[in-house]
Structures are given as structure tokens and as C-alpha cells.
Amino acid sequence: MLVLGLLISGCSGKEKATDQTDDNYRVFYEIFVGSFSDSDQDGTGDLKGIINRLDYLNDGNLNSETALGIQGIWLTPIFKSPSYHKYDVEDYYTIDPEFGTQEDLDELIQRCHERNVLVILDMVINHTSSNHQWFKEFQKAHRNNDTENRYYDYYVYTSKGENVSGKSFCDLVNTNENYECNFSYDMPELNFDNEYVRDEVLDIATYYLAKGVDGFRFDAAKYIYFGNNYSSVDFWNWYTGKLKEIKPDIYLVGEVWSAENEINQYIKEMNCFDFTISQAEGVIAVAAKGGDINAFTKYVVNYQKSLKDLNPEAMAIPFISNHDMDRAAGYLTVFNGRAYMGANLYLLSPGSPFIYYGEEIGMKGSRGSANTDANRRLAMLWGDGDTVKDPEGTTFDSSKQVNGTVMEQLQEKNSILKHYSKLITIRNTYPQIARGNYSELDLGQ
């Protein structure tokens, strides 16, 4: 980490930046689509809104003074869904009308690729919406006791009264059965022992790869077979193997929200987010708040080694927060420099880091007493009249947003936004930061 400190102090600016985005060691930016930017004044963020903001994310100029310089974007689910968050998909082949059309997605992909920016989609395949046509057919088949129906075994079900440890089941109305519903009654769990189901989810990914999508973020990856990592890993071995046959350089990252010993079971199949390093009590925050920096450096070195031992092609995927977590500015505050230090620690570490939209301007948002994730997914603070609004259910006190808007921070030489941009420039200038091997240095106390 001392070496990185010298690089930071010795870099003279953007004139040194070189394009190192010929592989997947990229800085990604997570966009919660409905909260990012509104193009049609209906209050909901959309794909055209993202297109309109591409110059903010990456204007194609590595010497830019106004762009972040990110090299990839992760879109939270964009498929048709009855909810604001879209993690309960009703139709995988239709873009939710609130967000736009397939043509809008095509344009976004094209515009991103012109700037050498990758686009990955959030794939939610362990469950669907109860409004999905598959589930409607599944219900009908069970009510008619039609075991020959193709959809009879599309979802996991059990007889009423049967006790299945650890899993949640909901009433399959007008039948003698229940269906698995670990997240919610309106999110039934698919049955991946069914070859038809496997073919369906492979067809979905194949369709979007053909449209130019560069890869996927897999939601709830360990829940393909709830409580059974062995079977879940076996599924991902098959699924990611098929996808890599289609697109050898595909970008894949899985959400296995767990301890490292469980995450490591999935590393051979795909890169996985590093949850140990994230959140208020994670390795980054502890160090940024004045903890023992040696503990951080030791962690980075040991984690990188463990990844390579498991899979020589694996990358670390560090992040501070995402759409399911309280925003980092609540515990890594801007005014005392902790937000700056937190950004240093993970944007100047190996792998492919992910920034959560608004993190770079110190946006705040937490569940608080309201117990709603909507408070973590607030409207981006552009400061230029963008009509995007907070999602439904929001209760967060807007007076707590004290760090300013994008427009304000672009005018401030030492703003947290400018700091993020500089760190990404440094990362582009020195490709060894992302790709190199690390040795631990004792920095003292």
C-alpha cells in the first residue's frame, strides 16, 4: 500500500492515462435504473436517461476533466416486472415499459461500446414473479392435476403438511401443495432439476448476448438450490460453461452474500463480490476509519492469493456498498476525509471494483427505522433539473443529503467526485494496480 501511496502522489494527471480496457479488469458502476436519470419527465429513471448521462460516466476521452472514466456499467433488472425494483421478473424478453424498449437497450449498448464501456445485466433466475406466465401455467397444471403439462415441474413444490427444513413455502391455492418462496410469496422458486427450466434460462442469456450484452451479474447465486451449495455450484458450472462457449471473454460476477468459505465454493465458476471487504464493519471501512492499516494490507494480499489458488483466472471484486446496503457516506463521511480514504483503499486495490451510483458524490441513504430498501435507492442528485424521483416507499429525510450534487461538485477542485475521477485515472495509468501481484508491507502503527 505504500507503493500505491507513492503512485498517487507522483501522478501528474490525466495526460498519462492509457487505455487498459482490453480485458475485464475494469471499474464498474452499478446503476439502479429507476433512480438514476429520467428522460421523459415521468419521475422514473430509464434507459434513455442513462444514455443522456454517458458523458458523465465516460465521455470517451481519457483526458476528460468532467467524466468519471468508468469502463463498465451494471444495470439492475430491466425486464418487465410488477415492482419498482424489478427483482421479480414477469417477462425476461420484454424491457419494462417504465424503463424503455429493446431499441433503447440496443442504443445504450452501442453507445457504450463506442466508448469501450461494457454493459452487464442483472440476471435474476432463481425465482420469477408470480405474474410470470410460467407460474400461471404451473398453477393451472397443479389445479388440474395435469402431470403431463410441461410446466407442472417448473417450480419447486411440496405436499401440504410436509416439513422441509430451512426453506419457506407458500400456499398453492386450490391444491394440496405448497410452492417454494424463500424471498416472498410473489417470488416462486424455479426448479433447476427440470431440463426445460435450464434450457429457458440459457435461452434468455443467449438472447441478450446476441444483442451485444457483455455479461451478467447473477442475483442470489447460492439460492439456485436453497441450502445446497454443492448442487448450486454444479448448476453454475454447467450454466457459465455454456455461456463461455458462446462468448469466451464474457464478464460474469455472482452475488454469494456470505462468508468467504462459502463464497470460495463458487469462485471456479465465476468471479464473486467480496462481501468481507464491504459495508460499515467491512475491511475497507474499518481501515478508513482509522483502524490498523496492516490488517487491510494483510487481507488484500491473503485474499488475492486465495483467489488464485482456487482459480488462476479469478479476479477480486471489491465494493463498499450496493442497492441492498446502507450507503457508505453514512459511515465514511466526506467532511472528515473518511470517504476519500475508503475510495483510495478499494479503487487502488487489485481486481475489478464496483462503484454504487451516487457513492462518488457522497449520497446518503439507509433503512433506518422504516426498514425499507427504497431508502438505499434514492434518486441521483444531479442538480441540473433532472426529474427523477425517489422510489415508492421512500422515507429518508432529504435534509441529510449534505454533500452536494453532481453539478456542484464538478465545480469544486477537491470534491469527492473529482477524487473518484482522479483515482480511476491513476488506475488506468498504472495497469499493475488492477493486475499485479501484491506483497504485504509492515506500515507500523
Protein backbone atom coordinates (compact mmCIF):
# COMPACT_ATOMS: atom_id res chain seq x y z
CA MET A 1 0.00 0.00 0.00
CA LEU A 2 3.00 2.32 0.46
CA VAL A 3 3.80 1.83 -3.23
CA LEU A 4 0.26 2.86 -4.12
CA GLY A 5 0.66 5.96 -1.97
CA LEU A 6 3.74 6.97 -3.98
CA LEU A 7 1.82 6.43 -7.20
CA ILE A 8 -0.95 8.71 -6.01
CA SER A 9 1.42 11.49 -5.04
CA GLY A 10 3.59 11.08 -8.14
CA CYS A 11 0.90 11.00 -10.83
CA SER A 12 0.79 14.33 -12.62
CA GLY A 13 -2.64 13.95 -14.19
CA LYS A 14 -4.74 12.61 -16.98
CA GLU A 15 -2.10 13.12 -19.67
CA LYS A 16 -0.51 9.84 -18.57
CA ALA A 17 -3.66 7.75 -18.79
CA THR A 18 -3.62 4.86 -21.23
CA ASP A 19 -6.45 2.61 -22.34
CA GLN A 20 -6.15 -0.66 -20.44
CA THR A 21 -9.70 -1.85 -21.04
CA ASP A 22 -8.86 -4.68 -23.42
CA ASP A 23 -9.73 -7.18 -20.71
CA ASN A 24 -12.14 -7.44 -17.79
CA TYR A 25 -10.05 -5.64 -15.15
CA ARG A 26 -12.39 -2.66 -15.22
CA VAL A 27 -14.02 -0.20 -12.86
CA PHE A 28 -17.77 -0.85 -12.93
CA TYR A 29 -20.63 1.41 -11.94
CA GLU A 30 -23.88 -0.04 -10.59
CA ILE A 31 -26.98 1.79 -11.79
CA PHE A 32 -30.30 1.28 -10.05
CA VAL A 33 -32.12 2.16 -13.24
CA GLY A 34 -35.34 3.64 -11.88
CA SER A 35 -33.45 6.09 -9.66
CA PHE A 36 -30.68 7.26 -11.98
CA SER A 37 -31.89 9.68 -14.66
CA ASP A 38 -35.33 10.43 -16.12
CA SER A 39 -35.55 11.24 -19.84
CA ASP A 40 -39.32 11.65 -20.21
CA GLN A 41 -40.32 13.59 -17.07
CA ASP A 42 -42.41 10.80 -15.57
CA GLY A 43 -40.26 10.67 -12.44
CA THR A 44 -38.77 7.23 -13.13
CA GLY A 45 -35.24 6.68 -14.35
CA ASP A 46 -34.94 4.92 -17.70
CA LEU A 47 -32.52 3.64 -20.33
CA LYS A 48 -32.60 6.85 -22.34
CA GLY A 49 -31.76 8.69 -19.15
CA ILE A 50 -28.61 6.58 -18.85
CA ILE A 51 -27.77 7.30 -22.50
CA ASN A 52 -28.12 11.01 -21.78
CA ARG A 53 -25.64 10.67 -18.89
CA LEU A 54 -22.95 8.65 -20.65
CA ASP A 55 -20.66 11.67 -20.90
CA TYR A 56 -20.72 11.85 -17.11
CA LEU A 57 -19.75 8.20 -16.80
CA ASN A 58 -17.27 8.02 -19.67
CA ASP A 59 -17.09 10.61 -22.43
CA GLY A 60 -14.60 8.61 -24.49
CA ASN A 61 -11.73 10.92 -23.55
CA LEU A 62 -9.19 9.64 -21.06
CA ASN A 63 -8.05 13.22 -20.50
CA SER A 64 -11.54 14.38 -19.53
CA GLU A 65 -11.96 16.65 -16.52
CA THR A 66 -15.71 16.07 -16.19
CA ALA A 67 -16.19 12.30 -16.62
CA LEU A 68 -15.71 9.54 -14.05
CA GLY A 69 -13.90 7.31 -16.53
CA ILE A 70 -15.71 4.09 -15.62
CA GLN A 71 -15.27 1.16 -18.03
CA GLY A 72 -18.38 -0.89 -17.30
CA ILE A 73 -21.95 -0.49 -16.09
CA TRP A 74 -24.14 -2.96 -14.23
CA LEU A 75 -27.83 -2.37 -14.77
CA THR A 76 -30.13 -3.63 -12.04
CA PRO A 77 -33.02 -5.65 -13.55
CA ILE A 78 -34.62 -4.02 -16.57
CA PHE A 79 -37.10 -6.76 -17.51
CA LYS A 80 -40.87 -6.39 -17.18
CA SER A 81 -41.88 -6.63 -13.54
CA PRO A 82 -44.72 -5.50 -11.26
CA SER A 83 -42.37 -3.96 -8.67
CA TYR A 84 -40.27 -0.79 -8.62
CA HIS A 85 -37.07 -2.81 -8.07
CA LYS A 86 -37.71 -5.40 -10.84
CA TYR A 87 -36.18 -8.33 -8.96
CA ASP A 88 -39.39 -10.30 -9.62
CA VAL A 89 -39.35 -10.79 -13.39
CA GLU A 90 -42.63 -11.20 -15.25
CA ASP A 91 -41.16 -11.45 -18.76
CA TYR A 92 -37.42 -11.76 -19.46
CA TYR A 93 -37.81 -10.84 -23.13
CA THR A 94 -39.59 -7.52 -22.56
CA ILE A 95 -37.94 -4.37 -21.22
CA ASP A 96 -40.15 -2.91 -18.51
CA PRO A 97 -42.15 -0.07 -20.12
CA GLU A 98 -41.14 2.24 -17.25
CA PHE A 99 -37.54 1.87 -18.42
CA GLY A 100 -38.00 1.92 -22.19
CA THR A 101 -37.79 -0.56 -25.06
CA GLN A 102 -35.49 -3.16 -26.57
CA GLU A 103 -34.43 -0.47 -29.04
CA ASP A 104 -33.35 1.74 -26.13
CA LEU A 105 -31.23 -1.12 -24.79
CA ASP A 106 -29.70 -1.62 -28.24
CA GLU A 107 -28.79 2.05 -28.40
CA LEU A 108 -27.32 2.05 -24.91
CA ILE A 109 -25.13 -0.96 -25.71
CA GLN A 110 -23.97 0.63 -28.96
CA ARG A 111 -23.17 3.96 -27.34
CA CYS A 112 -21.28 2.24 -24.51
CA HIS A 113 -19.26 0.08 -26.87
CA GLU A 114 -18.24 3.17 -28.84
CA ARG A 115 -16.56 4.30 -25.60
CA ASN A 116 -15.18 0.84 -24.77
CA VAL A 117 -17.59 0.53 -21.85
CA LEU A 118 -19.05 -2.90 -21.07
CA VAL A 119 -22.73 -3.45 -20.21
CA ILE A 120 -23.77 -6.27 -17.90
CA LEU A 121 -27.35 -7.11 -16.95
CA ASP A 122 -28.68 -8.26 -13.61
CA MET A 123 -29.97 -11.81 -14.13
CA VAL A 124 -32.49 -12.96 -11.54
CA ILE A 125 -33.14 -16.61 -12.32
CA ASN A 126 -33.51 -18.45 -9.03
CA HIS A 127 -37.07 -17.11 -8.83
CA THR A 128 -39.57 -15.27 -11.02
CA SER A 129 -42.60 -13.10 -10.39
CA SER A 130 -45.82 -14.92 -9.56
CA ASN A 131 -47.18 -12.97 -12.55
CA HIS A 132 -44.86 -14.81 -14.92
CA GLN A 133 -46.66 -16.92 -17.49
CA TRP A 134 -44.62 -19.96 -16.42
CA PHE A 135 -46.04 -19.72 -12.90
CA LYS A 136 -49.57 -19.21 -14.17
CA GLU A 137 -49.24 -22.37 -16.23
CA PHE A 138 -47.68 -24.16 -13.25
CA GLN A 139 -50.66 -23.21 -11.09
CA LYS A 140 -53.15 -24.34 -13.71
CA ALA A 141 -51.38 -27.68 -14.17
CA HIS A 142 -51.47 -28.40 -10.44
CA ARG A 143 -55.10 -27.37 -10.04
CA ASN A 144 -56.00 -29.74 -12.88
CA ASN A 145 -53.60 -32.41 -11.61
CA ASP A 146 -52.19 -32.41 -15.14
CA THR A 147 -48.83 -34.08 -14.57
CA GLU A 148 -48.22 -34.25 -18.33
CA ASN A 149 -48.23 -30.47 -18.60
CA ARG A 150 -44.78 -29.11 -19.49
CA TYR A 151 -45.00 -26.55 -16.68
CA TYR A 152 -46.05 -28.96 -13.92
CA ASP A 153 -42.46 -29.18 -12.59
CA TYR A 154 -41.22 -25.68 -13.48
CA TYR A 155 -41.22 -24.59 -9.82
CA VAL A 156 -40.29 -26.33 -6.59
CA TYR A 157 -43.33 -27.63 -4.70
CA THR A 158 -44.17 -30.00 -1.89
CA SER A 159 -47.26 -31.57 -0.35
CA LYS A 160 -49.06 -29.52 2.27
CA GLY A 161 -48.01 -30.57 5.74
CA GLU A 162 -44.61 -31.82 4.61
CA ASN A 163 -41.83 -30.25 6.66
CA VAL A 164 -38.81 -29.08 4.66
CA SER A 165 -36.14 -27.72 6.98
CA GLY A 166 -34.78 -24.24 6.26
CA LYS A 167 -36.99 -23.45 3.28
CA SER A 168 -40.09 -21.30 3.06
CA PHE A 169 -43.23 -22.48 1.30
CA CYS A 170 -46.43 -20.69 0.32
CA ASP A 171 -49.92 -21.97 -0.33
CA LEU A 172 -50.61 -23.14 -3.87
CA VAL A 173 -54.28 -22.18 -3.75
CA ASN A 174 -56.91 -24.82 -4.60
CA THR A 175 -54.37 -27.65 -4.49
CA ASN A 176 -52.89 -29.95 -1.85
CA GLU A 177 -49.45 -28.46 -2.39
CA ASN A 178 -47.21 -25.54 -1.48
CA TYR A 179 -44.57 -23.84 -3.63
CA GLU A 180 -41.12 -22.71 -2.50
CA CYS A 181 -40.98 -18.96 -1.81
CA ASN A 182 -37.83 -18.12 0.15
CA PHE A 183 -37.82 -14.39 -0.65
CA SER A 184 -41.53 -13.59 -0.87
CA TYR A 185 -44.88 -15.19 -1.64
CA ASP A 186 -44.82 -13.44 -5.03
CA MET A 187 -41.35 -14.75 -5.91
CA PRO A 188 -41.73 -18.52 -6.56
CA GLU A 189 -38.54 -20.57 -6.86
CA LEU A 190 -37.73 -22.28 -10.15
CA ASN A 191 -36.92 -25.99 -10.28
CA PHE A 192 -33.47 -26.44 -11.79
CA ASP A 193 -33.77 -30.21 -11.82
CA ASN A 194 -36.08 -29.62 -14.77
CA GLU A 195 -34.19 -29.59 -18.08
CA TYR A 196 -36.84 -27.33 -19.61
CA VAL A 197 -36.11 -24.70 -16.95
CA ARG A 198 -32.38 -24.94 -17.57
CA ASP A 199 -32.97 -24.51 -21.29
CA GLU A 200 -35.20 -21.50 -20.63
CA VAL A 201 -32.61 -19.59 -18.60
CA LEU A 202 -29.87 -20.46 -21.09
CA ASP A 203 -32.03 -19.17 -23.93
CA ILE A 204 -32.59 -15.89 -22.07
CA ALA A 205 -28.87 -15.26 -21.60
CA THR A 206 -28.12 -16.31 -25.18
CA TYR A 207 -30.71 -13.84 -26.46
CA TYR A 208 -29.10 -10.89 -24.66
CA LEU A 209 -25.57 -11.91 -25.57
CA ALA A 210 -26.67 -11.85 -29.21
CA LYS A 211 -27.87 -8.28 -28.64
CA GLY A 212 -24.38 -7.29 -27.56
CA VAL A 213 -24.60 -7.53 -23.77
CA ASP A 214 -21.13 -8.20 -22.36
CA GLY A 215 -22.09 -10.33 -19.39
CA PHE A 216 -24.22 -10.73 -16.31
CA ARG A 217 -24.42 -10.16 -12.59
CA PHE A 218 -26.15 -13.18 -11.07
CA ASP A 219 -28.51 -12.35 -8.24
CA ALA A 220 -28.73 -14.67 -5.22
CA ALA A 221 -26.38 -17.19 -6.83
CA LYS A 222 -26.32 -19.55 -3.87
CA TYR A 223 -30.12 -19.87 -3.86
CA ILE A 224 -30.44 -21.86 -7.08
CA TYR A 225 -30.76 -24.83 -4.73
CA PHE A 226 -31.62 -23.28 -1.38
CA GLY A 227 -29.26 -24.52 1.35
CA ASN A 228 -27.38 -26.80 -1.04
CA ASN A 229 -24.14 -25.24 -2.27
CA TYR A 230 -23.00 -28.45 -3.94
CA SER A 231 -25.99 -28.53 -6.28
CA SER A 232 -25.94 -24.76 -6.84
CA VAL A 233 -22.25 -24.84 -7.80
CA ASP A 234 -22.94 -27.76 -10.12
CA PHE A 235 -25.63 -25.71 -11.86
CA TRP A 236 -23.30 -22.72 -12.28
CA ASN A 237 -20.58 -24.99 -13.62
CA TRP A 238 -22.99 -26.04 -16.38
CA TYR A 239 -24.51 -22.61 -16.97
CA THR A 240 -21.37 -20.47 -17.02
CA GLY A 241 -19.63 -23.13 -19.08
CA LYS A 242 -22.33 -22.81 -21.75
CA LEU A 243 -22.11 -19.01 -21.68
CA LYS A 244 -18.32 -19.07 -22.04
CA GLU A 245 -18.71 -21.28 -25.10
CA ILE A 246 -20.86 -18.55 -26.63
CA LYS A 247 -18.67 -15.62 -25.51
CA PRO A 248 -15.22 -16.60 -24.20
CA ASP A 249 -14.50 -13.11 -22.83
CA ILE A 250 -17.85 -12.80 -21.07
CA TYR A 251 -17.92 -10.79 -17.81
CA LEU A 252 -19.60 -12.80 -15.05
CA VAL A 253 -19.94 -11.90 -11.39
CA GLY A 254 -22.04 -13.63 -8.76
CA GLU A 255 -23.75 -12.45 -5.60
CA VAL A 256 -22.96 -15.01 -2.92
CA TRP A 257 -23.72 -12.94 0.15
CA SER A 258 -21.92 -14.99 2.73
CA ALA A 259 -18.61 -15.66 4.45
CA GLU A 260 -15.53 -16.43 2.38
CA ASN A 261 -15.62 -20.17 2.98
CA GLU A 262 -18.99 -20.29 1.22
CA ILE A 263 -18.14 -17.74 -1.48
CA ASN A 264 -15.00 -19.69 -2.35
CA GLN A 265 -17.08 -22.67 -3.44
CA TYR A 266 -18.29 -20.60 -6.42
CA ILE A 267 -15.01 -18.98 -7.49
CA LYS A 268 -14.13 -21.67 -10.03
CA GLU A 269 -17.37 -20.93 -11.90
CA MET A 270 -17.34 -17.11 -11.82
CA ASN A 271 -15.94 -14.11 -10.03
CA CYS A 272 -17.84 -13.20 -6.88
CA PHE A 273 -18.34 -9.97 -4.95
CA ASP A 274 -16.11 -9.70 -1.89
CA PHE A 275 -18.58 -9.15 0.94
CA THR A 276 -15.90 -9.28 3.64
CA ILE A 277 -14.49 -6.01 2.37
CA SER A 278 -17.84 -4.16 2.20
CA GLN A 279 -20.30 -2.34 4.49
CA ALA A 280 -19.87 -0.43 7.73
CA GLU A 281 -17.92 -3.16 9.52
CA GLY A 282 -16.06 -4.39 6.45
CA VAL A 283 -12.31 -4.35 5.95
CA ILE A 284 -12.37 -1.10 3.93
CA ALA A 285 -14.46 0.89 6.40
CA VAL A 286 -12.54 -0.29 9.44
CA ALA A 287 -9.24 0.81 7.90
CA ALA A 288 -10.67 4.09 6.53
CA LYS A 289 -11.99 4.98 9.98
CA GLY A 290 -8.51 4.74 11.50
CA GLY A 291 -8.13 1.03 12.08
CA ASP A 292 -4.91 -0.92 11.67
CA ILE A 293 -3.84 -0.44 8.05
CA ASN A 294 -1.69 -3.56 8.34
CA ALA A 295 -4.85 -5.60 8.79
CA PHE A 296 -6.10 -4.21 5.48
CA THR A 297 -2.90 -4.90 3.55
CA LYS A 298 -2.68 -8.39 5.03
CA TYR A 299 -6.26 -9.06 3.98
CA VAL A 300 -5.72 -7.86 0.40
CA VAL A 301 -2.61 -9.99 -0.04
CA ASN A 302 -4.12 -13.12 1.50
CA TYR A 303 -7.40 -12.73 -0.38
CA GLN A 304 -5.65 -12.31 -3.71
CA LYS A 305 -3.55 -15.42 -3.03
CA SER A 306 -6.57 -17.49 -2.00
CA LEU A 307 -8.40 -16.49 -5.20
CA LYS A 308 -5.50 -17.51 -7.41
CA ASP A 309 -5.15 -20.81 -5.56
CA LEU A 310 -8.81 -21.53 -6.25
CA ASN A 311 -8.86 -20.25 -9.82
CA PRO A 312 -5.83 -18.66 -11.58
CA GLU A 313 -8.25 -16.62 -13.73
CA ALA A 314 -10.23 -15.22 -10.81
CA MET A 315 -10.37 -11.50 -10.02
CA ALA A 316 -11.16 -9.76 -6.77
CA ILE A 317 -14.44 -7.81 -6.97
CA PRO A 318 -14.21 -5.19 -4.21
CA PHE A 319 -17.01 -2.76 -3.37
CA ILE A 320 -18.18 -0.71 -0.41
CA SER A 321 -21.96 -0.83 -0.79
CA ASN A 322 -24.76 -1.68 -3.21
CA HIS A 323 -28.54 -1.39 -3.58
CA ASP A 324 -29.17 -3.81 -0.68
CA MET A 325 -26.97 -1.96 1.83
CA ASP A 326 -26.89 1.33 3.68
CA ARG A 327 -24.97 3.90 1.67
CA ALA A 328 -21.31 4.35 2.56
CA ALA A 329 -21.49 8.13 3.14
CA GLY A 330 -23.40 7.43 6.33
CA TYR A 331 -20.33 5.86 7.97
CA LEU A 332 -17.48 7.03 5.71
CA THR A 333 -18.23 10.72 5.93
CA VAL A 334 -16.93 13.25 3.44
CA PHE A 335 -16.15 16.17 5.76
CA ASN A 336 -13.55 14.26 7.81
CA GLY A 337 -11.90 12.57 4.82
CA ARG A 338 -13.02 9.03 5.51
CA ALA A 339 -14.94 8.82 2.24
CA TYR A 340 -11.76 9.78 0.39
CA MET A 341 -9.72 7.16 2.23
CA GLY A 342 -12.31 4.46 1.64
CA ALA A 343 -12.22 5.21 -2.07
CA ASN A 344 -8.40 5.05 -2.05
CA LEU A 345 -8.37 1.66 -0.40
CA TYR A 346 -10.57 -0.16 -2.85
CA LEU A 347 -10.07 1.74 -6.10
CA LEU A 348 -6.31 1.29 -5.74
CA SER A 349 -6.58 -2.43 -4.98
CA PRO A 350 -6.39 -5.39 -7.37
CA GLY A 351 -9.29 -6.70 -9.41
CA SER A 352 -12.42 -5.08 -10.80
CA PRO A 353 -14.06 -2.67 -8.31
CA PHE A 354 -17.75 -1.69 -8.36
CA ILE A 355 -18.99 1.81 -7.50
CA TYR A 356 -22.63 2.19 -6.46
CA TYR A 357 -24.25 5.16 -8.23
CA GLY A 358 -24.12 8.27 -6.06
CA GLU A 359 -21.29 6.93 -3.91
CA GLU A 360 -18.93 9.21 -5.82
CA ILE A 361 -20.82 12.31 -4.64
CA GLY A 362 -21.34 11.15 -1.06
CA MET A 363 -25.05 10.41 -1.36
CA LYS A 364 -26.62 9.08 1.82
CA GLY A 365 -29.38 6.54 2.33
CA SER A 366 -30.19 3.95 4.97
CA ARG A 367 -33.06 1.76 6.09
CA GLY A 368 -33.32 3.38 9.46
CA SER A 369 -36.49 2.69 11.43
CA ALA A 370 -38.56 2.47 8.22
CA ASN A 371 -36.96 -0.87 7.30
CA THR A 372 -37.19 -0.29 3.55
CA ASP A 373 -34.53 -0.76 0.90
CA ALA A 374 -36.10 2.11 -1.04
CA ASN A 375 -34.13 4.42 1.28
CA ARG A 376 -30.93 2.93 -0.13
CA ARG A 377 -32.01 3.53 -3.74
CA LEU A 378 -32.78 7.24 -3.77
CA ALA A 379 -32.85 9.48 -6.82
CA MET A 380 -29.44 10.55 -8.10
CA LEU A 381 -28.60 14.12 -7.10
CA TRP A 382 -27.76 15.74 -10.43
CA GLY A 383 -28.53 19.33 -9.52
CA ASP A 384 -29.49 20.26 -13.06
CA GLY A 385 -33.27 19.78 -13.04
CA ASP A 386 -33.37 16.05 -13.73
CA THR A 387 -36.93 14.92 -12.91
CA VAL A 388 -36.02 11.50 -11.48
CA LYS A 389 -37.77 10.89 -8.16
CA ASP A 390 -37.17 8.67 -5.15
CA PRO A 391 -38.73 5.19 -5.42
CA GLU A 392 -42.03 4.31 -3.82
CA GLY A 393 -41.87 3.73 -0.09
CA THR A 394 -39.02 6.18 0.50
CA THR A 395 -38.95 7.78 3.95
CA PHE A 396 -35.38 9.10 4.04
CA ASP A 397 -35.03 12.68 5.25
CA SER A 398 -33.69 14.65 2.28
CA SER A 399 -32.14 17.26 4.59
CA LYS A 400 -29.46 14.67 5.41
CA GLN A 401 -28.08 15.00 1.87
CA VAL A 402 -25.37 17.49 2.80
CA ASN A 403 -22.58 16.66 0.35
CA GLY A 404 -23.93 18.39 -2.72
CA THR A 405 -24.97 17.46 -6.23
CA VAL A 406 -23.02 16.38 -9.31
CA MET A 407 -23.20 19.88 -10.78
CA GLU A 408 -21.93 21.46 -7.58
CA GLN A 409 -19.08 19.00 -7.17
CA LEU A 410 -17.91 19.38 -10.75
CA GLN A 411 -17.11 22.98 -9.84
CA GLU A 412 -15.13 22.05 -6.73
CA LYS A 413 -11.47 21.17 -7.23
CA ASN A 414 -11.25 18.86 -4.23
CA SER A 415 -14.74 17.37 -4.21
CA ILE A 416 -15.26 13.68 -3.56
CA LEU A 417 -16.46 13.36 -7.17
CA LYS A 418 -13.21 14.82 -8.51
CA HIS A 419 -11.32 12.48 -6.17
CA TYR A 420 -13.06 9.41 -7.61
CA SER A 421 -12.25 10.59 -11.12
CA LYS A 422 -8.58 11.04 -10.23
CA LEU A 423 -8.37 7.60 -8.65
CA ILE A 424 -9.80 5.97 -11.76
CA THR A 425 -7.29 7.91 -13.87
CA ILE A 426 -4.47 6.59 -11.71
CA ARG A 427 -5.84 3.09 -12.10
CA ASN A 428 -5.90 3.49 -15.89
CA THR A 429 -2.40 4.95 -15.90
CA TYR A 430 -0.88 2.11 -13.91
CA PRO A 431 -2.40 -1.22 -15.02
CA GLN A 432 -0.35 -3.07 -12.42
CA ILE A 433 -2.74 -1.79 -9.75
CA ALA A 434 -5.54 -4.00 -11.08
CA ARG A 435 -3.48 -6.87 -12.44
CA GLY A 436 -0.28 -7.06 -10.41
CA ASN A 437 0.83 -9.25 -7.55
CA TYR A 438 0.86 -7.70 -4.09
CA SER A 439 3.32 -8.06 -1.24
CA GLU A 440 2.50 -7.05 2.29
CA LEU A 441 4.49 -4.23 3.84
CA ASP A 442 4.54 -3.51 7.57
CA LEU A 443 3.50 0.14 7.79
CA GLY A 444 3.80 0.39 11.54
CA GLN A 445 1.15 1.73 13.89
